[in-house]
Structures are given as structure tokens and as C-alpha cells.
Amino acid sequence: MRTPRRGSAFDQAEAAFKAATSKPVEAAPKTVAPPSGKEMVTIRLDRAVLEHFQEDGPGWQERINAALRQAAGLAEE
């Protein structure tokens, strides 16, 4: 006499339910190189330095960026 496999119908039903209701596993996102644009950061500057760049009005952030590029040897001629 053959012994019935207990739970096999339950196991099959549970597996079918999980397959129907589970989200498929997605591949890990590919690493994307950061764009060469600008990035927002927080930096602490001496008050005198900040005032120097702000004296000429709007565009002071670009002037600070240009001065930092020049100091780092990255200035475009």
C-alpha cells in the first residue's frame, strides 16, 4: 500500500500562490557615472572670503567655483 504524501497539495497550492503574488526579483541597478555637471554642496567659508566674492553681486558662486578650479589647476584657459 502506498502512503499518501501529506501536504503535497497544500505545498503545491502555496507555491502557486507565492509565484502568482510575489514580485519578480529585479537585477541590481547598474552603476551610472555621475554627470560632469555641478553638484550642490555645503561648505564653510571665512566671512571675509564670502563677502569678497559677494561684493560684485549675483554670480558670486560661479566666481568662487572659478577661483577653486584655478587653485586646483583645473581652470580652462
C-alpha atoms as a PDB file:
ATOM      1  CA  MET A   1       0.000   0.000   0.000  1.00  0.00           C
ATOM      2  CA  ARG A   2       1.212   3.415  -0.901  1.00  0.00           C
ATOM      3  CA  THR A   3       1.488   6.110   1.794  1.00  0.00           C
ATOM      4  CA  PRO A   4      -0.175   9.365   0.805  1.00  0.00           C
ATOM      5  CA  ARG A   5       2.102  12.364   0.735  1.00  0.00           C
ATOM      6  CA  ARG A   6       0.637  14.700   3.300  1.00  0.00           C
ATOM      7  CA  GLY A   7       0.751  18.358   2.499  1.00  0.00           C
ATOM      8  CA  SER A   8       1.744  17.897  -1.091  1.00  0.00           C
ATOM      9  CA  ALA A   9      -1.455  19.524  -2.364  1.00  0.00           C
ATOM     10  CA  PHE A  10      -1.035  22.257   0.230  1.00  0.00           C
ATOM     11  CA  ASP A  11       2.627  22.728  -0.716  1.00  0.00           C
ATOM     12  CA  GLN A  12       1.713  22.920  -4.388  1.00  0.00           C
ATOM     13  CA  ALA A  13      -1.064  25.424  -3.712  1.00  0.00           C
ATOM     14  CA  GLU A  14       1.226  27.543  -1.541  1.00  0.00           C
ATOM     15  CA  ALA A  15       3.970  27.505  -4.176  1.00  0.00           C
ATOM     16  CA  ALA A  16       1.460  28.514  -6.870  1.00  0.00           C
ATOM     17  CA  PHE A  17       0.138  31.328  -4.658  1.00  0.00           C
ATOM     18  CA  LYS A  18       3.638  32.644  -3.933  1.00  0.00           C
ATOM     19  CA  ALA A  19       4.546  32.521  -7.609  1.00  0.00           C
ATOM     20  CA  ALA A  20       1.400  34.436  -8.546  1.00  0.00           C
ATOM     21  CA  THR A  21       1.691  37.089  -5.837  1.00  0.00           C
ATOM     22  CA  SER A  22       5.444  37.607  -5.468  1.00  0.00           C
ATOM     23  CA  LYS A  23       7.253  40.347  -7.301  1.00  0.00           C
ATOM     24  CA  PRO A  24       9.948  39.069  -9.634  1.00  0.00           C
ATOM     25  CA  VAL A  25      13.486  39.611  -8.446  1.00  0.00           C
ATOM     26  CA  GLU A  26      14.955  42.519 -10.346  1.00  0.00           C
ATOM     27  CA  ALA A  27      18.585  42.767 -11.307  1.00  0.00           C
ATOM     28  CA  ALA A  28      20.671  45.192  -9.281  1.00  0.00           C
ATOM     29  CA  PRO A  29      20.692  48.656 -10.857  1.00  0.00           C
ATOM     30  CA  LYS A  30      23.716  49.414 -12.956  1.00  0.00           C
ATOM     31  CA  THR A  31      26.142  51.937 -11.583  1.00  0.00           C
ATOM     32  CA  VAL A  32      25.871  55.132 -13.557  1.00  0.00           C
ATOM     33  CA  ALA A  33      28.795  57.510 -13.807  1.00  0.00           C
ATOM     34  CA  PRO A  34      27.970  60.860 -12.243  1.00  0.00           C
ATOM     35  CA  PRO A  35      27.309  63.624 -14.723  1.00  0.00           C
ATOM     36  CA  SER A  36      30.013  66.190 -15.250  1.00  0.00           C
ATOM     37  CA  GLY A  37      27.614  68.970 -14.243  1.00  0.00           C
ATOM     38  CA  LYS A  38      27.541  70.831 -10.981  1.00  0.00           C
ATOM     39  CA  GLU A  39      26.629  69.383  -7.614  1.00  0.00           C
ATOM     40  CA  MET A  40      25.042  71.150  -4.670  1.00  0.00           C
ATOM     41  CA  VAL A  41      27.224  71.001  -1.542  1.00  0.00           C
ATOM     42  CA  THR A  42      27.543  72.710   1.797  1.00  0.00           C
ATOM     43  CA  ILE A  43      30.851  74.421   2.514  1.00  0.00           C
ATOM     44  CA  ARG A  44      32.004  76.659   5.342  1.00  0.00           C
ATOM     45  CA  LEU A  45      33.953  79.739   4.249  1.00  0.00           C
ATOM     46  CA  ASP A  46      35.512  82.572   6.181  1.00  0.00           C
ATOM     47  CA  ARG A  47      33.136  85.518   6.309  1.00  0.00           C
ATOM     48  CA  ALA A  48      35.748  87.773   4.659  1.00  0.00           C
ATOM     49  CA  VAL A  49      36.124  85.349   1.736  1.00  0.00           C
ATOM     50  CA  LEU A  50      32.368  85.144   1.238  1.00  0.00           C
ATOM     51  CA  GLU A  51      31.972  88.925   1.388  1.00  0.00           C
ATOM     52  CA  HIS A  52      34.799  89.354  -1.142  1.00  0.00           C
ATOM     53  CA  PHE A  53      33.025  87.196  -3.717  1.00  0.00           C
ATOM     54  CA  GLN A  54      29.589  88.674  -2.971  1.00  0.00           C
ATOM     55  CA  GLU A  55      30.792  92.305  -3.393  1.00  0.00           C
ATOM     56  CA  ASP A  56      30.245  92.187  -7.156  1.00  0.00           C
ATOM     57  CA  GLY A  57      26.661  90.932  -6.767  1.00  0.00           C
ATOM     58  CA  PRO A  58      24.982  87.972  -8.443  1.00  0.00           C
ATOM     59  CA  GLY A  59      27.251  85.274  -9.810  1.00  0.00           C
ATOM     60  CA  TRP A  60      29.371  85.031  -6.665  1.00  0.00           C
ATOM     61  CA  GLN A  61      29.002  81.239  -6.559  1.00  0.00           C
ATOM     62  CA  GLU A  62      30.354  80.949 -10.102  1.00  0.00           C
ATOM     63  CA  ARG A  63      33.264  83.217  -9.154  1.00  0.00           C
ATOM     64  CA  ILE A  64      34.081  81.008  -6.159  1.00  0.00           C
ATOM     65  CA  ASN A  65      33.908  77.954  -8.423  1.00  0.00           C
ATOM     66  CA  ALA A  66      36.256  79.592 -10.946  1.00  0.00           C
ATOM     67  CA  ALA A  67      38.734  80.506  -8.181  1.00  0.00           C
ATOM     68  CA  LEU A  68      38.658  76.952  -6.823  1.00  0.00           C
ATOM     69  CA  ARG A  69      39.149  75.497 -10.324  1.00  0.00           C
ATOM     70  CA  GLN A  70      42.157  77.772 -10.829  1.00  0.00           C
ATOM     71  CA  ALA A  71      43.622  76.864  -7.418  1.00  0.00           C
ATOM     72  CA  ALA A  72      43.175  73.162  -8.221  1.00  0.00           C
ATOM     73  CA  GLY A  73      44.852  73.559 -11.615  1.00  0.00           C
ATOM     74  CA  LEU A  74      41.610  72.810 -13.457  1.00  0.00           C
ATOM     75  CA  ALA A  75      40.979  76.270 -14.901  1.00  0.00           C
ATOM     76  CA  GLU A  76      40.100  76.307 -18.566  1.00  0.00           C
ATOM     77  CA  GLU A  77      42.219  78.757 -20.486  1.00  0.00           C
END
